[in-house]
Amino acid sequence: MRTATAPDTEQVVAKLSARLQRLEDIEQIQAMHRTYVRHLVNQQWDQMVALFTATAVVDLGHDGVRRGHEDIAALFGLFDAFYANGNPRAGYVLSSPVIEATGHDATGTWTLHRFAVDGSWTEDRYHCEYRKTTEGWRFSHLQLRAVVSATQPEPGP
């Protein structure tokens, strides 16, 4: 049986350290993205903006592309008017993350289900890029696209 030599041990430790860092980065990204959705549910727009890099790009599809904190804050400010006009709040389920992290950059795809109180629901897909900053992982690009939309059927006889 062969015993590990010092260089072998150092290589193993280096590989395990890199793997552990990658797994920690992925968990931190998942936690940050879940926090983003929690802020969305609670209508905490300023806290949402803080989860983006200063040069981030947000593309929600229907409201055009927004760049930078000020422009992103203005976009999230539109949500206040949406809810103020009597539009119902909704519940959200964020699931199915597929994240690849390399160093200080990462990409991710998520599924978001929105369930409105009127019985309608949507399935959307987030396509994201993340960057590790001194404040932690932040969105550098966030795109949201509808996949499926459905309304609650009328009750039968």
C-alpha atoms as a PDB file:
ATOM      1  CA  MET A   1       0.000   0.000   0.000  1.00  0.00           C
ATOM      2  CA  ARG A   2       1.310   3.414  -0.983  1.00  0.00           C
ATOM      3  CA  THR A   3       1.421   6.186   1.625  1.00  0.00           C
ATOM      4  CA  ALA A   4       0.811   9.798   0.738  1.00  0.00           C
ATOM      5  CA  THR A   5       3.854  11.969   0.404  1.00  0.00           C
ATOM      6  CA  ALA A   6       3.965  15.611   1.455  1.00  0.00           C
ATOM      7  CA  PRO A   7       3.347  16.947  -2.102  1.00  0.00           C
ATOM      8  CA  ASP A   8       0.414  14.526  -2.503  1.00  0.00           C
ATOM      9  CA  THR A   9      -1.080  15.712   0.774  1.00  0.00           C
ATOM     10  CA  GLU A  10      -0.641  19.354  -0.210  1.00  0.00           C
ATOM     11  CA  GLN A  11      -2.376  18.715  -3.529  1.00  0.00           C
ATOM     12  CA  VAL A  12      -5.250  16.931  -1.829  1.00  0.00           C
ATOM     13  CA  VAL A  13      -5.641  19.747   0.699  1.00  0.00           C
ATOM     14  CA  ALA A  14      -5.524  22.364  -2.074  1.00  0.00           C
ATOM     15  CA  LYS A  15      -8.195  20.516  -4.094  1.00  0.00           C
ATOM     16  CA  LEU A  16     -10.417  20.063  -1.050  1.00  0.00           C
ATOM     17  CA  SER A  17      -9.992  23.724  -0.057  1.00  0.00           C
ATOM     18  CA  ALA A  18     -10.966  24.862  -3.565  1.00  0.00           C
ATOM     19  CA  ARG A  19     -13.967  22.532  -3.563  1.00  0.00           C
ATOM     20  CA  LEU A  20     -15.074  23.730  -0.133  1.00  0.00           C
ATOM     21  CA  GLN A  21     -14.769  27.382  -1.235  1.00  0.00           C
ATOM     22  CA  ARG A  22     -16.863  26.681  -4.351  1.00  0.00           C
ATOM     23  CA  LEU A  23     -19.575  24.979  -2.249  1.00  0.00           C
ATOM     24  CA  GLU A  24     -19.560  27.848   0.263  1.00  0.00           C
ATOM     25  CA  ASP A  25     -19.843  30.363  -2.574  1.00  0.00           C
ATOM     26  CA  ILE A  26     -22.818  28.498  -4.055  1.00  0.00           C
ATOM     27  CA  GLU A  27     -24.563  28.394  -0.674  1.00  0.00           C
ATOM     28  CA  GLN A  28     -23.939  32.124  -0.154  1.00  0.00           C
ATOM     29  CA  ILE A  29     -25.370  32.880  -3.605  1.00  0.00           C
ATOM     30  CA  GLN A  30     -28.458  30.786  -2.866  1.00  0.00           C
ATOM     31  CA  ALA A  31     -28.953  32.556   0.471  1.00  0.00           C
ATOM     32  CA  MET A  32     -28.576  35.979  -1.184  1.00  0.00           C
ATOM     33  CA  HIS A  33     -31.088  35.111  -3.912  1.00  0.00           C
ATOM     34  CA  ARG A  34     -33.587  33.792  -1.343  1.00  0.00           C
ATOM     35  CA  THR A  35     -33.140  37.049   0.589  1.00  0.00           C
ATOM     36  CA  TYR A  36     -33.909  38.973  -2.606  1.00  0.00           C
ATOM     37  CA  VAL A  37     -37.221  37.124  -2.991  1.00  0.00           C
ATOM     38  CA  ARG A  38     -38.029  37.635   0.709  1.00  0.00           C
ATOM     39  CA  HIS A  39     -37.505  41.395   0.199  1.00  0.00           C
ATOM     40  CA  LEU A  40     -39.785  41.199  -2.865  1.00  0.00           C
ATOM     41  CA  VAL A  41     -42.547  39.544  -0.827  1.00  0.00           C
ATOM     42  CA  ASN A  42     -42.139  42.163   1.914  1.00  0.00           C
ATOM     43  CA  GLN A  43     -41.945  45.027  -0.616  1.00  0.00           C
ATOM     44  CA  GLN A  44     -38.551  46.117   0.741  1.00  0.00           C
ATOM     45  CA  TRP A  45     -37.296  47.761  -2.442  1.00  0.00           C
ATOM     46  CA  ASP A  46     -34.230  49.483  -0.945  1.00  0.00           C
ATOM     47  CA  GLN A  47     -33.000  46.207   0.512  1.00  0.00           C
ATOM     48  CA  MET A  48     -33.465  44.578  -2.893  1.00  0.00           C
ATOM     49  CA  VAL A  49     -31.352  47.243  -4.607  1.00  0.00           C
ATOM     50  CA  ALA A  50     -28.551  46.673  -2.075  1.00  0.00           C
ATOM     51  CA  LEU A  51     -28.202  43.111  -3.412  1.00  0.00           C
ATOM     52  CA  PHE A  52     -26.948  44.393  -6.790  1.00  0.00           C
ATOM     53  CA  THR A  53     -23.509  45.600  -7.832  1.00  0.00           C
ATOM     54  CA  ALA A  54     -23.273  49.312  -8.649  1.00  0.00           C
ATOM     55  CA  THR A  55     -23.138  48.506 -12.383  1.00  0.00           C
ATOM     56  CA  ALA A  56     -25.717  45.702 -12.381  1.00  0.00           C
ATOM     57  CA  VAL A  57     -28.197  45.169 -15.201  1.00  0.00           C
ATOM     58  CA  VAL A  58     -31.817  44.140 -14.536  1.00  0.00           C
ATOM     59  CA  ASP A  59     -34.132  42.949 -17.304  1.00  0.00           C
ATOM     60  CA  LEU A  60     -37.618  41.950 -16.155  1.00  0.00           C
ATOM     61  CA  GLY A  61     -38.882  41.898 -19.737  1.00  0.00           C
ATOM     62  CA  HIS A  62     -41.934  44.156 -19.569  1.00  0.00           C
ATOM     63  CA  ASP A  63     -40.207  47.219 -18.074  1.00  0.00           C
ATOM     64  CA  GLY A  64     -37.065  47.339 -20.203  1.00  0.00           C
ATOM     65  CA  VAL A  65     -33.433  47.015 -19.213  1.00  0.00           C
ATOM     66  CA  ARG A  66     -32.236  48.966 -16.165  1.00  0.00           C
ATOM     67  CA  ARG A  67     -28.606  49.698 -15.296  1.00  0.00           C
ATOM     68  CA  GLY A  68     -27.098  50.760 -11.972  1.00  0.00           C
ATOM     69  CA  HIS A  69     -28.568  51.271  -8.520  1.00  0.00           C
ATOM     70  CA  GLU A  70     -30.519  54.453  -9.311  1.00  0.00           C
ATOM     71  CA  ASP A  71     -32.210  52.998 -12.381  1.00  0.00           C
ATOM     72  CA  ILE A  72     -32.920  49.686 -10.618  1.00  0.00           C
ATOM     73  CA  ALA A  73     -34.407  51.555  -7.626  1.00  0.00           C
ATOM     74  CA  ALA A  74     -36.711  53.441 -10.010  1.00  0.00           C
ATOM     75  CA  LEU A  75     -37.833  50.117 -11.502  1.00  0.00           C
ATOM     76  CA  PHE A  76     -38.614  48.643  -8.093  1.00  0.00           C
ATOM     77  CA  GLY A  77     -40.407  51.893  -7.230  1.00  0.00           C
ATOM     78  CA  LEU A  78     -42.904  51.053  -9.975  1.00  0.00           C
ATOM     79  CA  PHE A  79     -43.965  48.079  -7.882  1.00  0.00           C
ATOM     80  CA  ASP A  80     -45.263  50.466  -5.196  1.00  0.00           C
ATOM     81  CA  ALA A  81     -47.657  51.996  -7.733  1.00  0.00           C
ATOM     82  CA  PHE A  82     -48.678  48.524  -8.882  1.00  0.00           C
ATOM     83  CA  TYR A  83     -49.725  47.509  -5.373  1.00  0.00           C
ATOM     84  CA  ALA A  84     -51.198  50.925  -4.579  1.00  0.00           C
ATOM     85  CA  ASN A  85     -53.585  50.507  -7.537  1.00  0.00           C
ATOM     86  CA  GLY A  86     -55.227  47.562  -5.789  1.00  0.00           C
ATOM     87  CA  ASN A  87     -53.297  44.779  -7.467  1.00  0.00           C
ATOM     88  CA  PRO A  88     -53.218  41.787  -5.168  1.00  0.00           C
ATOM     89  CA  ARG A  89     -50.141  40.663  -3.345  1.00  0.00           C
ATOM     90  CA  ALA A  90     -48.819  37.251  -4.185  1.00  0.00           C
ATOM     91  CA  GLY A  91     -46.875  34.391  -2.713  1.00  0.00           C
ATOM     92  CA  TYR A  92     -43.644  33.242  -4.288  1.00  0.00           C
ATOM     93  CA  VAL A  93     -41.805  29.928  -4.414  1.00  0.00           C
ATOM     94  CA  LEU A  94     -38.181  30.038  -5.559  1.00  0.00           C
ATOM     95  CA  SER A  95     -36.769  26.663  -6.562  1.00  0.00           C
ATOM     96  CA  SER A  96     -34.505  24.545  -8.734  1.00  0.00           C
ATOM     97  CA  PRO A  97     -31.255  26.527  -8.562  1.00  0.00           C
ATOM     98  CA  VAL A  98     -28.507  25.528 -10.969  1.00  0.00           C
ATOM     99  CA  ILE A  99     -25.416  27.517 -10.030  1.00  0.00           C
ATOM    100  CA  GLU A 100     -21.881  27.452 -11.394  1.00  0.00           C
ATOM    101  CA  ALA A 101     -19.283  29.412  -9.439  1.00  0.00           C
ATOM    102  CA  THR A 102     -15.716  30.106 -10.508  1.00  0.00           C
ATOM    103  CA  GLY A 103     -13.639  32.443  -8.401  1.00  0.00           C
ATOM    104  CA  HIS A 104     -15.400  35.797  -8.063  1.00  0.00           C
ATOM    105  CA  ASP A 105     -18.015  35.168 -10.777  1.00  0.00           C
ATOM    106  CA  ALA A 106     -20.982  32.834 -10.989  1.00  0.00           C
ATOM    107  CA  THR A 107     -24.062  32.115 -13.077  1.00  0.00           C
ATOM    108  CA  GLY A 108     -27.403  30.778 -11.992  1.00  0.00           C
ATOM    109  CA  THR A 109     -30.798  29.720 -13.261  1.00  0.00           C
ATOM    110  CA  TRP A 110     -33.822  29.504 -10.956  1.00  0.00           C
ATOM    111  CA  THR A 111     -37.539  28.832 -11.248  1.00  0.00           C
ATOM    112  CA  LEU A 112     -39.963  31.287  -9.627  1.00  0.00           C
ATOM    113  CA  HIS A 113     -43.646  30.479  -9.118  1.00  0.00           C
ATOM    114  CA  ARG A 114     -45.943  33.390  -8.300  1.00  0.00           C
ATOM    115  CA  PHE A 115     -49.336  32.586  -6.794  1.00  0.00           C
ATOM    116  CA  ALA A 116     -51.801  35.481  -6.703  1.00  0.00           C
ATOM    117  CA  VAL A 117     -54.746  35.612  -4.313  1.00  0.00           C
ATOM    118  CA  ASP A 118     -57.147  35.505  -7.284  1.00  0.00           C
ATOM    119  CA  GLY A 119     -55.967  31.976  -8.112  1.00  0.00           C
ATOM    120  CA  SER A 120     -53.786  32.900 -11.071  1.00  0.00           C
ATOM    121  CA  TRP A 121     -50.173  31.776 -11.147  1.00  0.00           C
ATOM    122  CA  THR A 122     -47.064  32.099 -13.251  1.00  0.00           C
ATOM    123  CA  GLU A 123     -43.857  30.185 -13.667  1.00  0.00           C
ATOM    124  CA  ASP A 124     -40.870  32.369 -14.467  1.00  0.00           C
ATOM    125  CA  ARG A 125     -37.198  31.713 -15.001  1.00  0.00           C
ATOM    126  CA  TYR A 126     -34.387  33.784 -13.537  1.00  0.00           C
ATOM    127  CA  HIS A 127     -31.125  33.850 -15.489  1.00  0.00           C
ATOM    128  CA  CYS A 128     -28.488  35.515 -13.340  1.00  0.00           C
ATOM    129  CA  GLU A 129     -24.866  36.470 -13.161  1.00  0.00           C
ATOM    130  CA  TYR A 130     -23.316  37.089  -9.759  1.00  0.00           C
ATOM    131  CA  ARG A 131     -20.132  38.770  -8.599  1.00  0.00           C
ATOM    132  CA  LYS A 132     -18.338  38.357  -5.289  1.00  0.00           C
ATOM    133  CA  THR A 133     -17.736  41.768  -3.718  1.00  0.00           C
ATOM    134  CA  THR A 134     -16.404  42.982  -0.397  1.00  0.00           C
ATOM    135  CA  GLU A 135     -20.049  42.963   0.810  1.00  0.00           C
ATOM    136  CA  GLY A 136     -20.562  39.365  -0.331  1.00  0.00           C
ATOM    137  CA  TRP A 137     -22.179  37.921  -3.435  1.00  0.00           C
ATOM    138  CA  ARG A 138     -24.316  40.356  -5.442  1.00  0.00           C
ATOM    139  CA  PHE A 139     -26.281  40.265  -8.673  1.00  0.00           C
ATOM    140  CA  SER A 140     -24.365  41.695 -11.621  1.00  0.00           C
ATOM    141  CA  HIS A 141     -27.087  40.742 -14.117  1.00  0.00           C
ATOM    142  CA  LEU A 142     -30.645  39.554 -13.489  1.00  0.00           C
ATOM    143  CA  GLN A 143     -33.085  38.567 -16.204  1.00  0.00           C
ATOM    144  CA  LEU A 144     -36.609  37.256 -15.563  1.00  0.00           C
ATOM    145  CA  ARG A 145     -38.717  35.625 -18.257  1.00  0.00           C
ATOM    146  CA  ALA A 146     -42.202  34.095 -18.131  1.00  0.00           C
ATOM    147  CA  VAL A 147     -42.410  30.397 -18.889  1.00  0.00           C
ATOM    148  CA  VAL A 148     -46.050  29.548 -18.097  1.00  0.00           C
ATOM    149  CA  SER A 149     -49.042  31.615 -17.020  1.00  0.00           C
ATOM    150  CA  ALA A 150     -52.395  30.273 -15.901  1.00  0.00           C
ATOM    151  CA  THR A 151     -55.576  31.490 -14.291  1.00  0.00           C
ATOM    152  CA  GLN A 152     -57.764  29.667 -11.830  1.00  0.00           C
ATOM    153  CA  PRO A 153     -60.554  27.855 -13.710  1.00  0.00           C
ATOM    154  CA  GLU A 154     -64.136  28.740 -12.885  1.00  0.00           C
ATOM    155  CA  PRO A 155     -65.776  26.236 -10.505  1.00  0.00           C
ATOM    156  CA  GLY A 156     -67.833  23.620 -12.284  1.00  0.00           C
ATOM    157  CA  PRO A 157     -71.512  22.819 -11.682  1.00  0.00           C
END
